[in-house]
Amino acid sequence: MYCLPDWEVCGQSKVMSVGCIYTRLSLLLRPPRLMLFHHPSCAIHASSATLAGHNKWSKVRHIKGPKDIARSLVFQKLTMMIRFAVREGGPNPHLNTNLANIIEVCRRKNMPKNSIETAISGAEKMKSIYHFCSIRGPGGSSFYVEILTDNLKRTSNEIRHLLNKNGGSIAEGIHNHFEKKGVVIVSKEDKSGSPVSLDQALDLAIEAGAEDVQEEEEEDEKVVFRFISSVSTLHQVREKLESLGLCSLSAGLEFIPIVHAQLSDPEIEMAVRLLEALEDHVDVVRVYNNIA
């Protein structure tokens, strides 16, 4: 079994091949972005809507963050993802970028090191299937659900039951409402411990070749920057940001909404209940949505 090294202060350059798997185990709203200026090679955007509570959704979307979900459920899901990554790419995180990124997630969620190593060593017992489920939610909203299960038929039946109770339904074509992008999560403090402003992040994004910058508050109320890139340039963007003095926390692939849904207050309340129900299911890894 490969022994994990001691945690480092800053993340290393890794790219996750099976999506950015539950990077924060959070509700994944991506707010509408405001284009600030143009650049000859790429358009850079900035958003901090999640900090100010500009609408009701931004205030309630973190309700079922990891601090409110039982730690045992969080660790159970992370264990499943570790075993799947090992089965797909081997037990050495230096050679398996998917595993390396999941280990970064485990570090951020304070999963004990021995639990991670136990999960890696138990990977040969893993028989799970990786699957996406497309869901139509309240008010015409879209949910793209990442699933890891050892019994797809059972999980599908359970998901349908949740949808029937919470105003959702299986729908075709939902994946067209999202675009796969690279996402680098970066601390608001650089390697020297100095705070980084949004204006500075914008300048660094241009230099690193990122397409978008978002300032976001996570479930633990910690503020981070999200640098968005194309899938093909994720690795290079992260390395460049690190070389520019930023401290990356994780990097991977996510599905970013390109079609947004505007919901009324009653519809938002229904969407929250649906989101809670989905995230509480043990086989649901991550839920993407397009609610603005």
C-alpha atoms as a PDB file:
ATOM      1  CA  MET A   1       0.000   0.000   0.000  1.00  0.00           C
ATOM      2  CA  TYR A   2       1.237   3.481  -0.795  1.00  0.00           C
ATOM      3  CA  CYS A   3       1.767   5.533   2.382  1.00  0.00           C
ATOM      4  CA  LEU A   4       0.502   9.086   2.255  1.00  0.00           C
ATOM      5  CA  PRO A   5       2.984  11.891   2.817  1.00  0.00           C
ATOM      6  CA  ASP A   6       2.415  14.458   5.528  1.00  0.00           C
ATOM      7  CA  TRP A   7       0.063  17.241   4.448  1.00  0.00           C
ATOM      8  CA  GLU A   8       1.633  20.220   2.742  1.00  0.00           C
ATOM      9  CA  VAL A   9       0.636  23.857   3.136  1.00  0.00           C
ATOM     10  CA  CYS A  10      -0.227  24.364  -0.507  1.00  0.00           C
ATOM     11  CA  GLY A  11      -1.775  21.878  -2.937  1.00  0.00           C
ATOM     12  CA  GLN A  12       0.316  20.331  -5.668  1.00  0.00           C
ATOM     13  CA  SER A  13      -0.599  20.453  -9.321  1.00  0.00           C
ATOM     14  CA  LYS A  14      -3.106  17.666  -9.904  1.00  0.00           C
ATOM     15  CA  VAL A  15      -6.046  17.257 -12.293  1.00  0.00           C
ATOM     16  CA  MET A  16      -9.123  15.205 -11.422  1.00  0.00           C
ATOM     17  CA  SER A  17     -10.460  13.023 -14.200  1.00  0.00           C
ATOM     18  CA  VAL A  18     -13.805  12.054 -12.648  1.00  0.00           C
ATOM     19  CA  GLY A  19     -15.072  15.558 -12.080  1.00  0.00           C
ATOM     20  CA  CYS A  20     -13.989  17.658  -9.155  1.00  0.00           C
ATOM     21  CA  ILE A  21     -15.508  15.091  -6.839  1.00  0.00           C
ATOM     22  CA  TYR A  22     -17.389  16.753  -4.025  1.00  0.00           C
ATOM     23  CA  THR A  23     -14.710  19.308  -3.502  1.00  0.00           C
ATOM     24  CA  ARG A  24     -16.673  21.035  -0.810  1.00  0.00           C
ATOM     25  CA  LEU A  25     -19.662  18.701  -0.624  1.00  0.00           C
ATOM     26  CA  SER A  26     -21.742  21.813  -1.036  1.00  0.00           C
ATOM     27  CA  LEU A  27     -24.666  23.121  -3.033  1.00  0.00           C
ATOM     28  CA  LEU A  28     -23.240  24.159  -6.339  1.00  0.00           C
ATOM     29  CA  LEU A  29     -24.796  27.391  -7.467  1.00  0.00           C
ATOM     30  CA  ARG A  30     -22.780  29.406  -9.911  1.00  0.00           C
ATOM     31  CA  PRO A  31     -24.122  32.988  -9.929  1.00  0.00           C
ATOM     32  CA  PRO A  32     -24.494  35.056 -13.100  1.00  0.00           C
ATOM     33  CA  ARG A  33     -21.148  36.595 -13.975  1.00  0.00           C
ATOM     34  CA  LEU A  34     -20.385  40.222 -14.715  1.00  0.00           C
ATOM     35  CA  MET A  35     -17.840  40.785 -17.455  1.00  0.00           C
ATOM     36  CA  LEU A  36     -15.457  43.478 -16.273  1.00  0.00           C
ATOM     37  CA  PHE A  37     -13.152  43.793 -19.235  1.00  0.00           C
ATOM     38  CA  HIS A  38     -11.820  42.016 -22.269  1.00  0.00           C
ATOM     39  CA  HIS A  39      -8.417  40.514 -22.831  1.00  0.00           C
ATOM     40  CA  PRO A  40      -6.907  39.625 -26.208  1.00  0.00           C
ATOM     41  CA  SER A  41      -6.639  35.940 -25.317  1.00  0.00           C
ATOM     42  CA  CYS A  42      -9.547  35.394 -22.953  1.00  0.00           C
ATOM     43  CA  ALA A  43     -12.480  37.078 -21.273  1.00  0.00           C
ATOM     44  CA  ILE A  44     -12.155  37.443 -17.517  1.00  0.00           C
ATOM     45  CA  HIS A  45     -15.212  37.687 -15.302  1.00  0.00           C
ATOM     46  CA  ALA A  46     -15.649  38.253 -11.593  1.00  0.00           C
ATOM     47  CA  SER A  47     -18.395  37.442  -9.166  1.00  0.00           C
ATOM     48  CA  SER A  48     -18.826  37.792  -5.430  1.00  0.00           C
ATOM     49  CA  ALA A  49     -22.593  37.379  -5.339  1.00  0.00           C
ATOM     50  CA  THR A  50     -22.361  34.488  -2.928  1.00  0.00           C
ATOM     51  CA  LEU A  51     -20.883  36.734  -0.256  1.00  0.00           C
ATOM     52  CA  ALA A  52     -23.484  39.446  -0.042  1.00  0.00           C
ATOM     53  CA  GLY A  53     -26.691  37.418  -0.149  1.00  0.00           C
ATOM     54  CA  HIS A  54     -28.022  39.234  -3.212  1.00  0.00           C
ATOM     55  CA  ASN A  55     -31.016  36.906  -3.431  1.00  0.00           C
ATOM     56  CA  LYS A  56     -32.768  34.336  -1.308  1.00  0.00           C
ATOM     57  CA  TRP A  57     -31.060  31.409  -3.011  1.00  0.00           C
ATOM     58  CA  SER A  58     -27.601  32.720  -2.169  1.00  0.00           C
ATOM     59  CA  LYS A  59     -28.642  32.888   1.487  1.00  0.00           C
ATOM     60  CA  VAL A  60     -30.023  29.375   1.777  1.00  0.00           C
ATOM     61  CA  ARG A  61     -27.962  27.345  -0.660  1.00  0.00           C
ATOM     62  CA  HIS A  62     -25.374  26.380   1.980  1.00  0.00           C
ATOM     63  CA  ILE A  63     -27.948  24.920   4.366  1.00  0.00           C
ATOM     64  CA  LYS A  64     -26.820  21.358   3.768  1.00  0.00           C
ATOM     65  CA  GLY A  65     -23.102  22.041   3.762  1.00  0.00           C
ATOM     66  CA  PRO A  66     -20.732  19.559   5.412  1.00  0.00           C
ATOM     67  CA  LYS A  67     -21.001  21.231   8.826  1.00  0.00           C
ATOM     68  CA  ASP A  68     -24.692  20.251   8.854  1.00  0.00           C
ATOM     69  CA  ILE A  69     -24.297  16.752   7.443  1.00  0.00           C
ATOM     70  CA  ALA A  70     -23.163  13.974   9.767  1.00  0.00           C
ATOM     71  CA  ARG A  71     -19.389  13.550   9.592  1.00  0.00           C
ATOM     72  CA  SER A  72     -19.867   9.830   9.173  1.00  0.00           C
ATOM     73  CA  LEU A  73     -21.843  10.393   5.963  1.00  0.00           C
ATOM     74  CA  VAL A  74     -19.209  12.778   4.601  1.00  0.00           C
ATOM     75  CA  PHE A  75     -16.399  10.352   5.336  1.00  0.00           C
ATOM     76  CA  GLN A  76     -18.402   7.435   3.974  1.00  0.00           C
ATOM     77  CA  LYS A  77     -18.783   9.220   0.644  1.00  0.00           C
ATOM     78  CA  LEU A  78     -15.122  10.200   0.563  1.00  0.00           C
ATOM     79  CA  THR A  79     -14.121   6.608   1.265  1.00  0.00           C
ATOM     80  CA  MET A  80     -16.199   5.413  -1.689  1.00  0.00           C
ATOM     81  CA  MET A  81     -14.585   7.998  -3.948  1.00  0.00           C
ATOM     82  CA  ILE A  82     -11.069   7.087  -2.823  1.00  0.00           C
ATOM     83  CA  ARG A  83     -11.670   3.411  -3.542  1.00  0.00           C
ATOM     84  CA  PHE A  84     -13.144   4.160  -6.948  1.00  0.00           C
ATOM     85  CA  ALA A  85     -10.156   6.365  -7.825  1.00  0.00           C
ATOM     86  CA  VAL A  86      -7.698   3.672  -6.727  1.00  0.00           C
ATOM     87  CA  ARG A  87      -9.521   1.046  -8.746  1.00  0.00           C
ATOM     88  CA  GLU A  88      -9.360   3.277 -11.831  1.00  0.00           C
ATOM     89  CA  GLY A  89      -5.811   4.595 -11.531  1.00  0.00           C
ATOM     90  CA  GLY A  90      -3.845   2.841  -8.803  1.00  0.00           C
ATOM     91  CA  PRO A  91      -2.985   3.607  -5.143  1.00  0.00           C
ATOM     92  CA  ASN A  92      -0.145   6.089  -5.671  1.00  0.00           C
ATOM     93  CA  PRO A  93      -1.434   9.703  -5.646  1.00  0.00           C
ATOM     94  CA  HIS A  94       1.739  10.853  -7.402  1.00  0.00           C
ATOM     95  CA  LEU A  95       0.717   8.746 -10.398  1.00  0.00           C
ATOM     96  CA  ASN A  96      -3.061   8.997  -9.991  1.00  0.00           C
ATOM     97  CA  THR A  97      -4.249  12.608 -10.321  1.00  0.00           C
ATOM     98  CA  ASN A  98      -7.855  11.717  -9.533  1.00  0.00           C
ATOM     99  CA  LEU A  99      -6.834  10.144  -6.232  1.00  0.00           C
ATOM    100  CA  ALA A 100      -4.522  13.063  -5.445  1.00  0.00           C
ATOM    101  CA  ASN A 101      -7.363  15.548  -5.768  1.00  0.00           C
ATOM    102  CA  ILE A 102      -9.732  13.478  -3.628  1.00  0.00           C
ATOM    103  CA  ILE A 103      -7.038  13.298  -0.948  1.00  0.00           C
ATOM    104  CA  GLU A 104      -6.888  17.100  -1.064  1.00  0.00           C
ATOM    105  CA  VAL A 105     -10.640  17.139  -0.445  1.00  0.00           C
ATOM    106  CA  CYS A 106     -10.199  14.769   2.493  1.00  0.00           C
ATOM    107  CA  ARG A 107      -7.561  17.071   3.954  1.00  0.00           C
ATOM    108  CA  ARG A 108      -9.913  20.055   3.708  1.00  0.00           C
ATOM    109  CA  LYS A 109     -12.670  18.034   5.393  1.00  0.00           C
ATOM    110  CA  ASN A 110     -10.354  16.926   8.236  1.00  0.00           C
ATOM    111  CA  MET A 111     -10.665  13.250   7.393  1.00  0.00           C
ATOM    112  CA  PRO A 112      -8.112  11.339   9.507  1.00  0.00           C
ATOM    113  CA  LYS A 113      -5.004  10.234   7.648  1.00  0.00           C
ATOM    114  CA  ASN A 114      -5.369   6.618   8.791  1.00  0.00           C
ATOM    115  CA  SER A 115      -8.934   6.559   7.445  1.00  0.00           C
ATOM    116  CA  ILE A 116      -7.642   7.662   4.041  1.00  0.00           C
ATOM    117  CA  GLU A 117      -4.969   4.963   4.017  1.00  0.00           C
ATOM    118  CA  THR A 118      -7.530   2.357   5.068  1.00  0.00           C
ATOM    119  CA  ALA A 119      -9.778   3.418   2.199  1.00  0.00           C
ATOM    120  CA  ILE A 120      -6.885   3.097  -0.256  1.00  0.00           C
ATOM    121  CA  SER A 121      -5.974  -0.370   0.980  1.00  0.00           C
ATOM    122  CA  GLY A 122      -9.605  -1.507   0.747  1.00  0.00           C
ATOM    123  CA  ALA A 123     -10.025  -0.474  -2.874  1.00  0.00           C
ATOM    124  CA  GLU A 124      -9.975  -4.062  -4.164  1.00  0.00           C
ATOM    125  CA  LYS A 125     -13.379  -4.580  -2.526  1.00  0.00           C
ATOM    126  CA  MET A 126     -14.896  -1.716  -4.515  1.00  0.00           C
ATOM    127  CA  LYS A 127     -17.543  -2.608  -7.104  1.00  0.00           C
ATOM    128  CA  SER A 128     -19.253   0.737  -7.585  1.00  0.00           C
ATOM    129  CA  ILE A 129     -20.593   2.287 -10.798  1.00  0.00           C
ATOM    130  CA  TYR A 130     -20.083   5.951 -11.690  1.00  0.00           C
ATOM    131  CA  HIS A 131     -23.244   7.550 -13.114  1.00  0.00           C
ATOM    132  CA  PHE A 132     -24.932  10.903 -13.820  1.00  0.00           C
ATOM    133  CA  CYS A 133     -28.629  11.587 -13.315  1.00  0.00           C
ATOM    134  CA  SER A 134     -30.426  14.492 -15.039  1.00  0.00           C
ATOM    135  CA  ILE A 135     -33.238  16.079 -13.039  1.00  0.00           C
ATOM    136  CA  ARG A 136     -35.798  18.802 -13.694  1.00  0.00           C
ATOM    137  CA  GLY A 137     -36.502  20.719 -10.497  1.00  0.00           C
ATOM    138  CA  PRO A 138     -38.976  23.363  -9.318  1.00  0.00           C
ATOM    139  CA  GLY A 139     -39.532  26.357 -11.591  1.00  0.00           C
ATOM    140  CA  GLY A 140     -37.800  24.716 -14.543  1.00  0.00           C
ATOM    141  CA  SER A 141     -34.458  24.476 -12.715  1.00  0.00           C
ATOM    142  CA  SER A 142     -31.917  21.842 -13.718  1.00  0.00           C
ATOM    143  CA  PHE A 143     -29.965  19.463 -11.483  1.00  0.00           C
ATOM    144  CA  TYR A 144     -27.095  17.323 -12.689  1.00  0.00           C
ATOM    145  CA  VAL A 145     -26.397  14.667 -10.061  1.00  0.00           C
ATOM    146  CA  GLU A 146     -23.142  12.756  -9.727  1.00  0.00           C
ATOM    147  CA  ILE A 147     -23.673   9.228  -8.357  1.00  0.00           C
ATOM    148  CA  LEU A 148     -21.347   6.468  -7.167  1.00  0.00           C
ATOM    149  CA  THR A 149     -23.162   3.243  -6.284  1.00  0.00           C
ATOM    150  CA  ASP A 150     -22.708  -0.508  -6.071  1.00  0.00           C
ATOM    151  CA  ASN A 151     -26.316  -1.076  -7.182  1.00  0.00           C
ATOM    152  CA  LEU A 152     -27.524   1.340  -9.847  1.00  0.00           C
ATOM    153  CA  LYS A 153     -31.041  -0.092 -10.006  1.00  0.00           C
ATOM    154  CA  ARG A 154     -31.556   0.323  -6.274  1.00  0.00           C
ATOM    155  CA  THR A 155     -30.130   3.836  -6.252  1.00  0.00           C
ATOM    156  CA  SER A 156     -32.204   4.868  -9.278  1.00  0.00           C
ATOM    157  CA  ASN A 157     -35.385   3.706  -7.555  1.00  0.00           C
ATOM    158  CA  GLU A 158     -34.459   5.582  -4.392  1.00  0.00           C
ATOM    159  CA  ILE A 159     -33.677   8.758  -6.339  1.00  0.00           C
ATOM    160  CA  ARG A 160     -37.020   8.557  -8.148  1.00  0.00           C
ATOM    161  CA  HIS A 161     -38.765   8.199  -4.794  1.00  0.00           C
ATOM    162  CA  LEU A 162     -36.972  11.328  -3.525  1.00  0.00           C
ATOM    163  CA  LEU A 163     -37.993  13.224  -6.644  1.00  0.00           C
ATOM    164  CA  ASN A 164     -41.646  12.235  -6.299  1.00  0.00           C
ATOM    165  CA  LYS A 165     -41.663  13.555  -2.737  1.00  0.00           C
ATOM    166  CA  ASN A 166     -39.770  16.770  -3.460  1.00  0.00           C
ATOM    167  CA  GLY A 167     -41.051  18.134  -6.749  1.00  0.00           C
ATOM    168  CA  GLY A 168     -38.435  16.801  -9.157  1.00  0.00           C
ATOM    169  CA  SER A 169     -38.448  14.486 -12.148  1.00  0.00           C
ATOM    170  CA  ILE A 170     -35.990  12.660 -14.385  1.00  0.00           C
ATOM    171  CA  ALA A 171     -35.416  14.693 -17.560  1.00  0.00           C
ATOM    172  CA  GLU A 172     -33.461  14.377 -20.790  1.00  0.00           C
ATOM    173  CA  GLY A 173     -31.029  16.957 -22.098  1.00  0.00           C
ATOM    174  CA  ILE A 174     -30.152  18.503 -18.743  1.00  0.00           C
ATOM    175  CA  HIS A 175     -26.458  17.976 -19.437  1.00  0.00           C
ATOM    176  CA  ASN A 176     -26.747  20.597 -22.207  1.00  0.00           C
ATOM    177  CA  HIS A 177     -27.399  23.203 -19.515  1.00  0.00           C
ATOM    178  CA  PHE A 178     -23.896  22.692 -18.102  1.00  0.00           C
ATOM    179  CA  GLU A 179     -20.368  22.889 -19.435  1.00  0.00           C
ATOM    180  CA  LYS A 180     -17.396  20.998 -18.050  1.00  0.00           C
ATOM    181  CA  LYS A 181     -14.672  23.358 -16.867  1.00  0.00           C
ATOM    182  CA  GLY A 182     -11.500  23.261 -14.854  1.00  0.00           C
ATOM    183  CA  VAL A 183     -11.755  24.878 -11.421  1.00  0.00           C
ATOM    184  CA  VAL A 184      -8.839  25.838  -9.167  1.00  0.00           C
ATOM    185  CA  ILE A 185      -9.787  26.736  -5.590  1.00  0.00           C
ATOM    186  CA  VAL A 186      -7.336  29.254  -4.142  1.00  0.00           C
ATOM    187  CA  SER A 187      -6.966  30.704  -0.659  1.00  0.00           C
ATOM    188  CA  LYS A 188      -7.539  34.440  -0.181  1.00  0.00           C
ATOM    189  CA  GLU A 189      -4.123  34.580   1.458  1.00  0.00           C
ATOM    190  CA  ASP A 190      -0.997  34.082  -0.616  1.00  0.00           C
ATOM    191  CA  LYS A 191       1.983  31.955   0.351  1.00  0.00           C
ATOM    192  CA  SER A 192       3.381  34.782   2.461  1.00  0.00           C
ATOM    193  CA  GLY A 193       0.120  35.089   4.397  1.00  0.00           C
ATOM    194  CA  SER A 194      -0.882  38.399   2.813  1.00  0.00           C
ATOM    195  CA  PRO A 195      -4.533  38.880   1.778  1.00  0.00           C
ATOM    196  CA  VAL A 196      -5.337  38.852  -1.946  1.00  0.00           C
ATOM    197  CA  SER A 197      -7.989  41.243  -3.250  1.00  0.00           C
ATOM    198  CA  LEU A 198     -10.429  40.503  -6.055  1.00  0.00           C
ATOM    199  CA  ASP A 199      -8.667  43.071  -8.259  1.00  0.00           C
ATOM    200  CA  GLN A 200      -5.363  41.294  -7.686  1.00  0.00           C
ATOM    201  CA  ALA A 201      -7.005  37.955  -8.446  1.00  0.00           C
ATOM    202  CA  LEU A 202      -8.289  39.358 -11.739  1.00  0.00           C
ATOM    203  CA  ASP A 203      -4.801  40.450 -12.756  1.00  0.00           C
ATOM    204  CA  LEU A 204      -3.373  37.055 -11.797  1.00  0.00           C
ATOM    205  CA  ALA A 205      -6.147  35.273 -13.706  1.00  0.00           C
ATOM    206  CA  ILE A 206      -5.154  37.069 -16.902  1.00  0.00           C
ATOM    207  CA  GLU A 207      -1.519  36.187 -16.391  1.00  0.00           C
ATOM    208  CA  ALA A 208      -2.346  32.548 -15.624  1.00  0.00           C
ATOM    209  CA  GLY A 209      -4.722  32.157 -18.591  1.00  0.00           C
ATOM    210  CA  ALA A 210      -7.917  31.640 -16.573  1.00  0.00           C
ATOM    211  CA  GLU A 211     -11.319  32.480 -18.061  1.00  0.00           C
ATOM    212  CA  ASP A 212     -13.200  33.537 -14.940  1.00  0.00           C
ATOM    213  CA  VAL A 213     -12.709  34.424 -11.268  1.00  0.00           C
ATOM    214  CA  GLN A 214     -15.337  34.011  -8.574  1.00  0.00           C
ATOM    215  CA  GLU A 215     -15.095  35.055  -4.947  1.00  0.00           C
ATOM    216  CA  GLU A 216     -17.086  32.562  -2.912  1.00  0.00           C
ATOM    217  CA  GLU A 217     -17.916  31.822   0.693  1.00  0.00           C
ATOM    218  CA  GLU A 218     -17.747  28.150   1.549  1.00  0.00           C
ATOM    219  CA  GLU A 219     -19.835  26.245   4.071  1.00  0.00           C
ATOM    220  CA  ASP A 220     -17.383  26.973   6.904  1.00  0.00           C
ATOM    221  CA  GLU A 221     -17.680  30.711   6.073  1.00  0.00           C
ATOM    222  CA  LYS A 222     -14.152  30.711   4.685  1.00  0.00           C
ATOM    223  CA  VAL A 223     -13.801  32.897   1.587  1.00  0.00           C
ATOM    224  CA  VAL A 224     -11.884  31.522  -1.390  1.00  0.00           C
ATOM    225  CA  PHE A 225     -11.281  32.354  -5.052  1.00  0.00           C
ATOM    226  CA  ARG A 226     -12.445  30.038  -7.838  1.00  0.00           C
ATOM    227  CA  PHE A 227     -10.365  30.337 -10.993  1.00  0.00           C
ATOM    228  CA  ILE A 228     -12.255  28.874 -13.972  1.00  0.00           C
ATOM    229  CA  SER A 229     -10.366  27.502 -16.966  1.00  0.00           C
ATOM    230  CA  SER A 230     -10.879  25.242 -19.924  1.00  0.00           C
ATOM    231  CA  VAL A 231     -10.477  21.540 -19.193  1.00  0.00           C
ATOM    232  CA  SER A 232      -7.294  21.340 -21.232  1.00  0.00           C
ATOM    233  CA  THR A 233      -5.547  24.209 -19.417  1.00  0.00           C
ATOM    234  CA  LEU A 234      -6.476  23.349 -15.820  1.00  0.00           C
ATOM    235  CA  HIS A 235      -3.068  21.909 -14.971  1.00  0.00           C
ATOM    236  CA  GLN A 236      -1.202  24.854 -16.485  1.00  0.00           C
ATOM    237  CA  VAL A 237      -3.448  27.435 -14.799  1.00  0.00           C
ATOM    238  CA  ARG A 238      -2.919  25.880 -11.400  1.00  0.00           C
ATOM    239  CA  GLU A 239       0.843  25.684 -11.841  1.00  0.00           C
ATOM    240  CA  LYS A 240       0.980  29.309 -12.975  1.00  0.00           C
ATOM    241  CA  LEU A 241      -1.138  30.515 -10.046  1.00  0.00           C
ATOM    242  CA  GLU A 242       1.175  28.661  -7.672  1.00  0.00           C
ATOM    243  CA  SER A 243       4.220  30.224  -9.343  1.00  0.00           C
ATOM    244  CA  LEU A 244       2.617  33.654  -8.929  1.00  0.00           C
ATOM    245  CA  GLY A 245       2.499  33.154  -5.168  1.00  0.00           C
ATOM    246  CA  LEU A 246      -1.066  31.920  -4.642  1.00  0.00           C
ATOM    247  CA  CYS A 247      -1.830  28.895  -2.493  1.00  0.00           C
ATOM    248  CA  SER A 248      -4.174  26.487  -4.272  1.00  0.00           C
ATOM    249  CA  LEU A 249      -6.403  24.303  -2.134  1.00  0.00           C
ATOM    250  CA  SER A 250      -7.710  21.929  -4.787  1.00  0.00           C
ATOM    251  CA  ALA A 251      -8.253  21.613  -8.517  1.00  0.00           C
ATOM    252  CA  GLY A 252     -10.512  19.532 -10.682  1.00  0.00           C
ATOM    253  CA  LEU A 253     -13.344  19.427 -13.176  1.00  0.00           C
ATOM    254  CA  GLU A 254     -16.840  20.765 -12.521  1.00  0.00           C
ATOM    255  CA  PHE A 255     -20.006  21.271 -14.506  1.00  0.00           C
ATOM    256  CA  ILE A 256     -20.704  25.002 -14.702  1.00  0.00           C
ATOM    257  CA  PRO A 257     -24.234  26.137 -15.713  1.00  0.00           C
ATOM    258  CA  ILE A 258     -24.516  27.959 -19.037  1.00  0.00           C
ATOM    259  CA  VAL A 259     -28.323  28.227 -18.871  1.00  0.00           C
ATOM    260  CA  HIS A 260     -29.727  29.755 -15.679  1.00  0.00           C
ATOM    261  CA  ALA A 261     -33.172  29.509 -14.062  1.00  0.00           C
ATOM    262  CA  GLN A 262     -34.795  32.339 -12.124  1.00  0.00           C
ATOM    263  CA  LEU A 263     -37.020  31.027  -9.308  1.00  0.00           C
ATOM    264  CA  SER A 264     -39.644  32.655  -7.121  1.00  0.00           C
ATOM    265  CA  ASP A 265     -39.317  32.453  -3.336  1.00  0.00           C
ATOM    266  CA  PRO A 266     -41.743  29.496  -3.041  1.00  0.00           C
ATOM    267  CA  GLU A 267     -39.865  27.687  -5.823  1.00  0.00           C
ATOM    268  CA  ILE A 268     -36.542  28.331  -4.086  1.00  0.00           C
ATOM    269  CA  GLU A 269     -37.907  26.753  -0.907  1.00  0.00           C
ATOM    270  CA  MET A 270     -38.949  23.688  -2.905  1.00  0.00           C
ATOM    271  CA  ALA A 271     -35.533  23.586  -4.589  1.00  0.00           C
ATOM    272  CA  VAL A 272     -33.786  23.647  -1.208  1.00  0.00           C
ATOM    273  CA  ARG A 273     -35.845  20.681   0.003  1.00  0.00           C
ATOM    274  CA  LEU A 274     -35.021  18.749  -3.169  1.00  0.00           C
ATOM    275  CA  LEU A 275     -31.340  19.603  -2.862  1.00  0.00           C
ATOM    276  CA  GLU A 276     -31.268  18.526   0.783  1.00  0.00           C
ATOM    277  CA  ALA A 277     -32.920  15.211  -0.040  1.00  0.00           C
ATOM    278  CA  LEU A 278     -30.474  14.486  -2.858  1.00  0.00           C
ATOM    279  CA  GLU A 279     -27.382  15.405  -0.866  1.00  0.00           C
ATOM    280  CA  ASP A 280     -28.486  13.285   2.078  1.00  0.00           C
ATOM    281  CA  HIS A 281     -28.492  10.177  -0.118  1.00  0.00           C
ATOM    282  CA  VAL A 282     -25.348   8.177   0.570  1.00  0.00           C
ATOM    283  CA  ASP A 283     -24.718   7.391  -3.118  1.00  0.00           C
ATOM    284  CA  VAL A 284     -24.932  11.017  -4.286  1.00  0.00           C
ATOM    285  CA  VAL A 285     -21.445  12.458  -4.673  1.00  0.00           C
ATOM    286  CA  ARG A 286     -22.302  15.944  -5.851  1.00  0.00           C
ATOM    287  CA  VAL A 287     -25.245  17.984  -7.105  1.00  0.00           C
ATOM    288  CA  TYR A 288     -24.852  20.702  -9.743  1.00  0.00           C
ATOM    289  CA  ASN A 289     -27.680  23.181 -10.330  1.00  0.00           C
ATOM    290  CA  ASN A 290     -28.385  26.189 -12.543  1.00  0.00           C
ATOM    291  CA  ILE A 291     -30.393  28.364 -10.156  1.00  0.00           C
ATOM    292  CA  ALA A 292     -29.512  32.047 -10.478  1.00  0.00           C
END
